Amino acid sequence: MIVDQSKCLHCGGCVGSCPQNAIFLNDCVLEFSNKCNRCGRCVKLCPVAALRLEAKS
């Protein structure tokens, strides 16, 4: 997951939207655990488009 920190409002909406509980807001920085299954729910719910899926390598 890629976070554009300059856009992120730190609203926590993505944290609550994650069905895997894989997103954490630590000191105003979003962190994603390895439980993230790339469902994209957080990307769709972000009100400022601060999140995007990282291309698979």
PDB file of N, CA and C in Angstrom:
ATOM      1  N   MET A   1       0.848  -1.169   0.000  1.00  0.00           N
ATOM      2  CA  MET A   1       0.000   0.000   0.000  1.00  0.00           C
ATOM      3  C   MET A   1       0.890   1.227   0.000  1.00  0.00           C
ATOM      4  N   ILE A   2       0.520   2.214  -0.772  1.00  0.00           N
ATOM      5  CA  ILE A   2       1.265   3.461  -0.830  1.00  0.00           C
ATOM      6  C   ILE A   2       0.391   4.574  -0.264  1.00  0.00           C
ATOM      7  N   VAL A   3       0.954   5.341   0.660  1.00  0.00           N
ATOM      8  CA  VAL A   3       0.243   6.443   1.307  1.00  0.00           C
ATOM      9  C   VAL A   3       0.895   7.750   0.902  1.00  0.00           C
ATOM     10  N   ASP A   4       0.101   8.664   0.365  1.00  0.00           N
ATOM     11  CA  ASP A   4       0.586  10.012   0.081  1.00  0.00           C
ATOM     12  C   ASP A   4       0.385  10.823   1.353  1.00  0.00           C
ATOM     13  N   GLN A   5       1.452  10.954   2.132  1.00  0.00           N
ATOM     14  CA  GLN A   5       1.358  11.615   3.431  1.00  0.00           C
ATOM     15  C   GLN A   5       0.949  13.086   3.306  1.00  0.00           C
ATOM     16  N   SER A   6       1.237  13.700   2.161  1.00  0.00           N
ATOM     17  CA  SER A   6       0.862  15.105   1.993  1.00  0.00           C
ATOM     18  C   SER A   6      -0.645  15.275   1.822  1.00  0.00           C
ATOM     19  N   LYS A   7      -1.352  14.212   1.428  1.00  0.00           N
ATOM     20  CA  LYS A   7      -2.805  14.257   1.270  1.00  0.00           C
ATOM     21  C   LYS A   7      -3.551  13.718   2.494  1.00  0.00           C
ATOM     22  N   CYS A   8      -2.941  12.779   3.194  1.00  0.00           N
ATOM     23  CA  CYS A   8      -3.612  12.078   4.288  1.00  0.00           C
ATOM     24  C   CYS A   8      -4.059  13.054   5.374  1.00  0.00           C
ATOM     25  N   LEU A   9      -5.330  12.941   5.770  1.00  0.00           N
ATOM     26  CA  LEU A   9      -5.906  13.787   6.816  1.00  0.00           C
ATOM     27  C   LEU A   9      -5.800  13.148   8.204  1.00  0.00           C
ATOM     28  N   HIS A  10      -5.315  11.919   8.263  1.00  0.00           N
ATOM     29  CA  HIS A  10      -5.216  11.164   9.512  1.00  0.00           C
ATOM     30  C   HIS A  10      -6.580  11.023  10.181  1.00  0.00           C
ATOM     31  N   CYS A  11      -7.596  10.853   9.354  1.00  0.00           N
ATOM     32  CA  CYS A  11      -8.967  10.756   9.864  1.00  0.00           C
ATOM     33  C   CYS A  11      -9.270   9.389  10.467  1.00  0.00           C
ATOM     34  N   GLY A  12      -8.514   8.375  10.078  1.00  0.00           N
ATOM     35  CA  GLY A  12      -8.726   7.037  10.623  1.00  0.00           C
ATOM     36  C   GLY A  12      -9.820   6.248   9.942  1.00  0.00           C
ATOM     37  N   GLY A  13     -10.434   6.801   8.914  1.00  0.00           N
ATOM     38  CA  GLY A  13     -11.491   6.079   8.209  1.00  0.00           C
ATOM     39  C   GLY A  13     -11.019   4.762   7.627  1.00  0.00           C
ATOM     40  N   CYS A  14      -9.816   4.756   7.114  1.00  0.00           N
ATOM     41  CA  CYS A  14      -9.275   3.533   6.522  1.00  0.00           C
ATOM     42  C   CYS A  14      -9.020   2.478   7.593  1.00  0.00           C
ATOM     43  N   VAL A  15      -8.609   2.913   8.772  1.00  0.00           N
ATOM     44  CA  VAL A  15      -8.332   1.986   9.870  1.00  0.00           C
ATOM     45  C   VAL A  15      -9.596   1.207  10.216  1.00  0.00           C
ATOM     46  N   GLY A  16     -10.701   1.921  10.371  1.00  0.00           N
ATOM     47  CA  GLY A  16     -11.968   1.282  10.718  1.00  0.00           C
ATOM     48  C   GLY A  16     -12.588   0.492   9.588  1.00  0.00           C
ATOM     49  N   SER A  17     -12.189   0.784   8.347  1.00  0.00           N
ATOM     50  CA  SER A  17     -12.783   0.105   7.198  1.00  0.00           C
ATOM     51  C   SER A  17     -12.127  -1.231   6.883  1.00  0.00           C
ATOM     52  N   CYS A  18     -10.961  -1.495   7.438  1.00  0.00           N
ATOM     53  CA  CYS A  18     -10.189  -2.680   7.064  1.00  0.00           C
ATOM     54  C   CYS A  18     -10.764  -3.948   7.686  1.00  0.00           C
ATOM     55  N   PRO A  19     -11.233  -4.901   6.854  1.00  0.00           N
ATOM     56  CA  PRO A  19     -11.802  -6.138   7.396  1.00  0.00           C
ATOM     57  C   PRO A  19     -10.735  -7.055   8.011  1.00  0.00           C
ATOM     58  N   GLN A  20      -9.468  -6.807   7.700  1.00  0.00           N
ATOM     59  CA  GLN A  20      -8.380  -7.626   8.230  1.00  0.00           C
ATOM     60  C   GLN A  20      -7.706  -6.997   9.451  1.00  0.00           C
ATOM     61  N   ASN A  21      -8.153  -5.799   9.837  1.00  0.00           N
ATOM     62  CA  ASN A  21      -7.510  -5.049  10.932  1.00  0.00           C
ATOM     63  C   ASN A  21      -6.012  -4.926  10.687  1.00  0.00           C
ATOM     64  N   ALA A  22      -5.669  -4.543   9.458  1.00  0.00           N
ATOM     65  CA  ALA A  22      -4.265  -4.490   9.035  1.00  0.00           C
ATOM     66  C   ALA A  22      -3.715  -3.075   8.956  1.00  0.00           C
ATOM     67  N   ILE A  23      -4.526  -2.059   9.302  1.00  0.00           N
ATOM     68  CA  ILE A  23      -4.083  -0.671   9.204  1.00  0.00           C
ATOM     69  C   ILE A  23      -4.050  -0.054  10.586  1.00  0.00           C
ATOM     70  N   PHE A  24      -2.948   0.644  10.861  1.00  0.00           N
ATOM     71  CA  PHE A  24      -2.760   1.284  12.163  1.00  0.00           C
ATOM     72  C   PHE A  24      -2.318   2.719  11.946  1.00  0.00           C
ATOM     73  N   LEU A  25      -2.789   3.606  12.801  1.00  0.00           N
ATOM     74  CA  LEU A  25      -2.380   5.009  12.768  1.00  0.00           C
ATOM     75  C   LEU A  25      -1.468   5.235  13.962  1.00  0.00           C
ATOM     76  N   ASN A  26      -0.161   5.300  13.692  1.00  0.00           N
ATOM     77  CA  ASN A  26       0.844   5.467  14.748  1.00  0.00           C
ATOM     78  C   ASN A  26       1.526   6.811  14.588  1.00  0.00           C
ATOM     79  N   ASP A  27       1.325   7.686  15.562  1.00  0.00           N
ATOM     80  CA  ASP A  27       1.924   9.029  15.526  1.00  0.00           C
ATOM     81  C   ASP A  27       1.658   9.727  14.200  1.00  0.00           C
ATOM     82  N   CYS A  28       0.414   9.689  13.763  1.00  0.00           N
ATOM     83  CA  CYS A  28      -0.028  10.329  12.522  1.00  0.00           C
ATOM     84  C   CYS A  28       0.634   9.745  11.272  1.00  0.00           C
ATOM     85  N   VAL A  29       1.063   8.504  11.341  1.00  0.00           N
ATOM     86  CA  VAL A  29       1.615   7.810  10.182  1.00  0.00           C
ATOM     87  C   VAL A  29       0.850   6.507  10.021  1.00  0.00           C
ATOM     88  N   LEU A  30       0.320   6.272   8.813  1.00  0.00           N
ATOM     89  CA  LEU A  30      -0.387   5.027   8.557  1.00  0.00           C
ATOM     90  C   LEU A  30       0.607   3.898   8.355  1.00  0.00           C
ATOM     91  N   GLU A  31       0.331   2.776   9.000  1.00  0.00           N
ATOM     92  CA  GLU A  31       1.156   1.584   8.838  1.00  0.00           C
ATOM     93  C   GLU A  31       0.247   0.416   8.497  1.00  0.00           C
ATOM     94  N   PHE A  32       0.743  -0.456   7.626  1.00  0.00           N
ATOM     95  CA  PHE A  32      -0.014  -1.612   7.169  1.00  0.00           C
ATOM     96  C   PHE A  32       0.727  -2.873   7.580  1.00  0.00           C
ATOM     97  N   SER A  33       0.026  -3.791   8.216  1.00  0.00           N
ATOM     98  CA  SER A  33       0.651  -5.049   8.624  1.00  0.00           C
ATOM     99  C   SER A  33       0.610  -6.028   7.455  1.00  0.00           C
ATOM    100  N   ASN A  34       1.256  -7.160   7.666  1.00  0.00           N
ATOM    101  CA  ASN A  34       1.274  -8.183   6.611  1.00  0.00           C
ATOM    102  C   ASN A  34      -0.072  -8.896   6.482  1.00  0.00           C
ATOM    103  N   LYS A  35      -1.044  -8.546   7.335  1.00  0.00           N
ATOM    104  CA  LYS A  35      -2.386  -9.116   7.203  1.00  0.00           C
ATOM    105  C   LYS A  35      -3.180  -8.465   6.066  1.00  0.00           C
ATOM    106  N   CYS A  36      -2.661  -7.372   5.499  1.00  0.00           N
ATOM    107  CA  CYS A  36      -3.337  -6.693   4.391  1.00  0.00           C
ATOM    108  C   CYS A  36      -3.447  -7.647   3.207  1.00  0.00           C
ATOM    109  N   ASN A  37      -4.667  -7.832   2.701  1.00  0.00           N
ATOM    110  CA  ASN A  37      -4.868  -8.726   1.564  1.00  0.00           C
ATOM    111  C   ASN A  37      -5.158  -7.958   0.265  1.00  0.00           C
ATOM    112  N   ARG A  38      -4.877  -6.652   0.279  1.00  0.00           N
ATOM    113  CA  ARG A  38      -4.999  -5.803  -0.901  1.00  0.00           C
ATOM    114  C   ARG A  38      -6.427  -5.772  -1.452  1.00  0.00           C
ATOM    115  N   CYS A  39      -7.418  -5.757  -0.580  1.00  0.00           N
ATOM    116  CA  CYS A  39      -8.813  -5.746  -1.025  1.00  0.00           C
ATOM    117  C   CYS A  39      -9.204  -4.404  -1.635  1.00  0.00           C
ATOM    118  N   GLY A  40      -8.510  -3.324  -1.235  1.00  0.00           N
ATOM    119  CA  GLY A  40      -8.778  -2.012  -1.797  1.00  0.00           C
ATOM    120  C   GLY A  40      -9.892  -1.228  -1.138  1.00  0.00           C
ATOM    121  N   ARG A  41     -10.479  -1.765  -0.095  1.00  0.00           N
ATOM    122  CA  ARG A  41     -11.574  -1.065   0.583  1.00  0.00           C
ATOM    123  C   ARG A  41     -11.123   0.296   1.099  1.00  0.00           C
ATOM    124  N   CYS A  42      -9.937   0.349   1.686  1.00  0.00           N
ATOM    125  CA  CYS A  42      -9.427   1.613   2.229  1.00  0.00           C
ATOM    126  C   CYS A  42      -9.190   2.637   1.123  1.00  0.00           C
ATOM    127  N   VAL A  43      -8.738   2.165  -0.024  1.00  0.00           N
ATOM    128  CA  VAL A  43      -8.495   3.060  -1.160  1.00  0.00           C
ATOM    129  C   VAL A  43      -9.799   3.713  -1.601  1.00  0.00           C
ATOM    130  N   LYS A  44     -10.848   2.921  -1.677  1.00  0.00           N
ATOM    131  CA  LYS A  44     -12.150   3.426  -2.107  1.00  0.00           C
ATOM    132  C   LYS A  44     -12.765   4.387  -1.090  1.00  0.00           C
ATOM    133  N   LEU A  45     -12.501   4.165   0.187  1.00  0.00           N
ATOM    134  CA  LEU A  45     -13.122   4.973   1.238  1.00  0.00           C
ATOM    135  C   LEU A  45     -12.358   6.233   1.605  1.00  0.00           C
ATOM    136  N   CYS A  46     -11.115   6.353   1.164  1.00  0.00           N
ATOM    137  CA  CYS A  46     -10.326   7.529   1.530  1.00  0.00           C
ATOM    138  C   CYS A  46     -10.930   8.777   0.881  1.00  0.00           C
ATOM    139  N   PRO A  47     -11.315   9.775   1.691  1.00  0.00           N
ATOM    140  CA  PRO A  47     -11.986  10.952   1.141  1.00  0.00           C
ATOM    141  C   PRO A  47     -11.076  11.879   0.338  1.00  0.00           C
ATOM    142  N   VAL A  48      -9.756  11.704   0.457  1.00  0.00           N
ATOM    143  CA  VAL A  48      -8.831  12.592  -0.254  1.00  0.00           C
ATOM    144  C   VAL A  48      -7.908  11.837  -1.209  1.00  0.00           C
ATOM    145  N   ALA A  49      -8.204  10.581  -1.473  1.00  0.00           N
ATOM    146  CA  ALA A  49      -7.414   9.743  -2.403  1.00  0.00           C
ATOM    147  C   ALA A  49      -5.933   9.701  -2.025  1.00  0.00           C
ATOM    148  N   ALA A  50      -5.672   9.523  -0.734  1.00  0.00           N
ATOM    149  CA  ALA A  50      -4.295   9.466  -0.254  1.00  0.00           C
ATOM    150  C   ALA A  50      -3.700   8.058  -0.326  1.00  0.00           C
ATOM    151  N   LEU A  51      -4.522   7.058  -0.630  1.00  0.00           N
ATOM    152  CA  LEU A  51      -4.056   5.669  -0.665  1.00  0.00           C
ATOM    153  C   LEU A  51      -4.145   5.104  -2.067  1.00  0.00           C
ATOM    154  N   ARG A  52      -3.179   4.234  -2.385  1.00  0.00           N
ATOM    155  CA  ARG A  52      -3.264   3.490  -3.638  1.00  0.00           C
ATOM    156  C   ARG A  52      -2.546   2.166  -3.461  1.00  0.00           C
ATOM    157  N   LEU A  53      -2.991   1.190  -4.240  1.00  0.00           N
ATOM    158  CA  LEU A  53      -2.377  -0.129  -4.172  1.00  0.00           C
ATOM    159  C   LEU A  53      -1.035  -0.108  -4.870  1.00  0.00           C
ATOM    160  N   GLU A  54      -0.058  -0.720  -4.241  1.00  0.00           N
ATOM    161  CA  GLU A  54       1.264  -0.855  -4.818  1.00  0.00           C
ATOM    162  C   GLU A  54       1.233  -1.968  -5.846  1.00  0.00           C
ATOM    163  N   ALA A  55       1.893  -1.779  -6.966  1.00  0.00           N
ATOM    164  CA  ALA A  55       1.941  -2.821  -7.994  1.00  0.00           C
ATOM    165  C   ALA A  55       2.618  -4.061  -7.430  1.00  0.00           C
ATOM    166  N   LYS A  56       2.076  -5.231  -7.767  1.00  0.00           N
ATOM    167  CA  LYS A  56       2.681  -6.487  -7.315  1.00  0.00           C
ATOM    168  C   LYS A  56       4.003  -6.677  -8.026  1.00  0.00           C
ATOM    169  N   SER A  57       4.979  -7.189  -7.274  1.00  0.00           N
ATOM    170  CA  SER A  57       6.274  -7.425  -7.901  1.00  0.00           C
ATOM    171  C   SER A  57       6.520  -8.904  -8.140  1.00  0.00           C
TER     172      SER A  57
END
